[in-house]
């Protein structure tokens, strides 16, 4: 099979598979996007809090060692 034959077959099969896909509606996409952004904000706040707590704990440990 030549490259041209392979490429043509690949293209046909790709188009056939793309027709089988059930694409989400605009509403589903919007809701999912909003949920993702909310989760990103929650995780960012959690990581910010954890970072602050770890930073303070390290400062405390280093301060105890400096005495």
C-alpha atoms as a PDB file:
ATOM      1  CA  UNK A   1       0.000   0.000   0.000  1.00  0.00           C
ATOM      2  CA  UNK A   2       1.478   3.329  -1.034  1.00  0.00           C
ATOM      3  CA  UNK A   3       1.514   6.378   1.172  1.00  0.00           C
ATOM      4  CA  UNK A   4      -1.158   8.069  -0.959  1.00  0.00           C
ATOM      5  CA  UNK A   5      -3.468   5.039  -0.617  1.00  0.00           C
ATOM      6  CA  UNK A   6      -2.807   4.902   3.106  1.00  0.00           C
ATOM      7  CA  UNK A   7      -3.495   8.633   3.520  1.00  0.00           C
ATOM      8  CA  UNK A   8      -6.738   8.427   1.523  1.00  0.00           C
ATOM      9  CA  UNK A   9      -7.944   5.429   3.541  1.00  0.00           C
ATOM     10  CA  UNK A  10      -6.987   7.130   6.800  1.00  0.00           C
ATOM     11  CA  UNK A  11      -8.894  10.263   5.756  1.00  0.00           C
ATOM     12  CA  UNK A  12     -12.050   8.264   4.862  1.00  0.00           C
ATOM     13  CA  UNK A  13     -11.966   6.309   8.111  1.00  0.00           C
ATOM     14  CA  UNK A  14     -11.424   9.474  10.141  1.00  0.00           C
ATOM     15  CA  UNK A  15     -14.444  11.150   8.529  1.00  0.00           C
ATOM     16  CA  UNK A  16     -16.579   8.043   9.214  1.00  0.00           C
ATOM     17  CA  UNK A  17     -15.560   8.001  12.877  1.00  0.00           C
ATOM     18  CA  UNK A  18     -16.182  11.749  13.248  1.00  0.00           C
ATOM     19  CA  UNK A  19     -19.787  11.230  12.077  1.00  0.00           C
ATOM     20  CA  UNK A  20     -20.338   8.729  14.914  1.00  0.00           C
ATOM     21  CA  UNK A  21     -19.333  11.205  17.623  1.00  0.00           C
ATOM     22  CA  UNK A  22     -22.107  12.599  19.809  1.00  0.00           C
ATOM     23  CA  UNK A  23     -21.095  16.197  20.330  1.00  0.00           C
ATOM     24  CA  UNK A  24     -22.214  17.983  23.521  1.00  0.00           C
ATOM     25  CA  UNK A  25     -24.802  20.723  23.288  1.00  0.00           C
ATOM     26  CA  UNK A  26     -23.914  24.357  23.872  1.00  0.00           C
ATOM     27  CA  UNK A  27     -25.614  24.199  27.290  1.00  0.00           C
ATOM     28  CA  UNK A  28     -23.642  21.093  28.321  1.00  0.00           C
ATOM     29  CA  UNK A  29     -20.399  22.735  27.240  1.00  0.00           C
ATOM     30  CA  UNK A  30     -21.203  25.934  29.135  1.00  0.00           C
ATOM     31  CA  UNK A  31     -22.165  24.112  32.345  1.00  0.00           C
ATOM     32  CA  UNK A  32     -19.091  21.900  32.201  1.00  0.00           C
ATOM     33  CA  UNK A  33     -16.840  24.920  31.608  1.00  0.00           C
ATOM     34  CA  UNK A  34     -18.326  26.747  34.595  1.00  0.00           C
ATOM     35  CA  UNK A  35     -17.837  23.674  36.801  1.00  0.00           C
ATOM     36  CA  UNK A  36     -14.195  23.418  35.679  1.00  0.00           C
ATOM     37  CA  UNK A  37     -13.552  27.087  36.532  1.00  0.00           C
ATOM     38  CA  UNK A  38     -15.188  26.682  39.955  1.00  0.00           C
ATOM     39  CA  UNK A  39     -13.052  23.611  40.680  1.00  0.00           C
ATOM     40  CA  UNK A  40      -9.921  25.475  39.558  1.00  0.00           C
ATOM     41  CA  UNK A  41     -10.759  28.305  41.990  1.00  0.00           C
ATOM     42  CA  UNK A  42     -11.360  25.857  44.857  1.00  0.00           C
ATOM     43  CA  UNK A  43      -8.096  24.007  44.229  1.00  0.00           C
ATOM     44  CA  UNK A  44      -6.201  27.303  43.895  1.00  0.00           C
ATOM     45  CA  UNK A  45      -7.577  28.504  47.251  1.00  0.00           C
ATOM     46  CA  UNK A  46      -6.717  25.186  48.892  1.00  0.00           C
ATOM     47  CA  UNK A  47      -3.162  25.273  47.549  1.00  0.00           C
ATOM     48  CA  UNK A  48      -2.760  28.898  48.618  1.00  0.00           C
ATOM     49  CA  UNK A  49      -3.881  28.004  52.155  1.00  0.00           C
ATOM     50  CA  UNK A  50      -1.653  24.922  52.279  1.00  0.00           C
ATOM     51  CA  UNK A  51       1.317  26.927  51.004  1.00  0.00           C
ATOM     52  CA  UNK A  52       0.762  29.591  53.652  1.00  0.00           C
ATOM     53  CA  UNK A  53       0.493  27.034  56.444  1.00  0.00           C
ATOM     54  CA  UNK A  54       3.600  25.143  55.330  1.00  0.00           C
ATOM     55  CA  UNK A  55       5.506  28.417  54.969  1.00  0.00           C
ATOM     56  CA  UNK A  56       4.588  29.476  58.506  1.00  0.00           C
ATOM     57  CA  UNK A  57       5.482  26.052  59.885  1.00  0.00           C
ATOM     58  CA  UNK A  58       8.911  26.205  58.247  1.00  0.00           C
ATOM     59  CA  UNK A  59       9.478  29.724  59.604  1.00  0.00           C
ATOM     60  CA  UNK A  60       8.559  28.491  63.096  1.00  0.00           C
ATOM     61  CA  UNK A  61      10.906  25.500  62.853  1.00  0.00           C
ATOM     62  CA  UNK A  62      13.760  27.670  61.573  1.00  0.00           C
ATOM     63  CA  UNK A  63      13.138  30.242  64.311  1.00  0.00           C
ATOM     64  CA  UNK A  64      13.348  27.510  66.973  1.00  0.00           C
ATOM     65  CA  UNK A  65      16.639  26.297  65.552  1.00  0.00           C
ATOM     66  CA  UNK A  66      18.134  29.804  65.522  1.00  0.00           C
ATOM     67  CA  UNK A  67      17.746  30.258  69.286  1.00  0.00           C
END
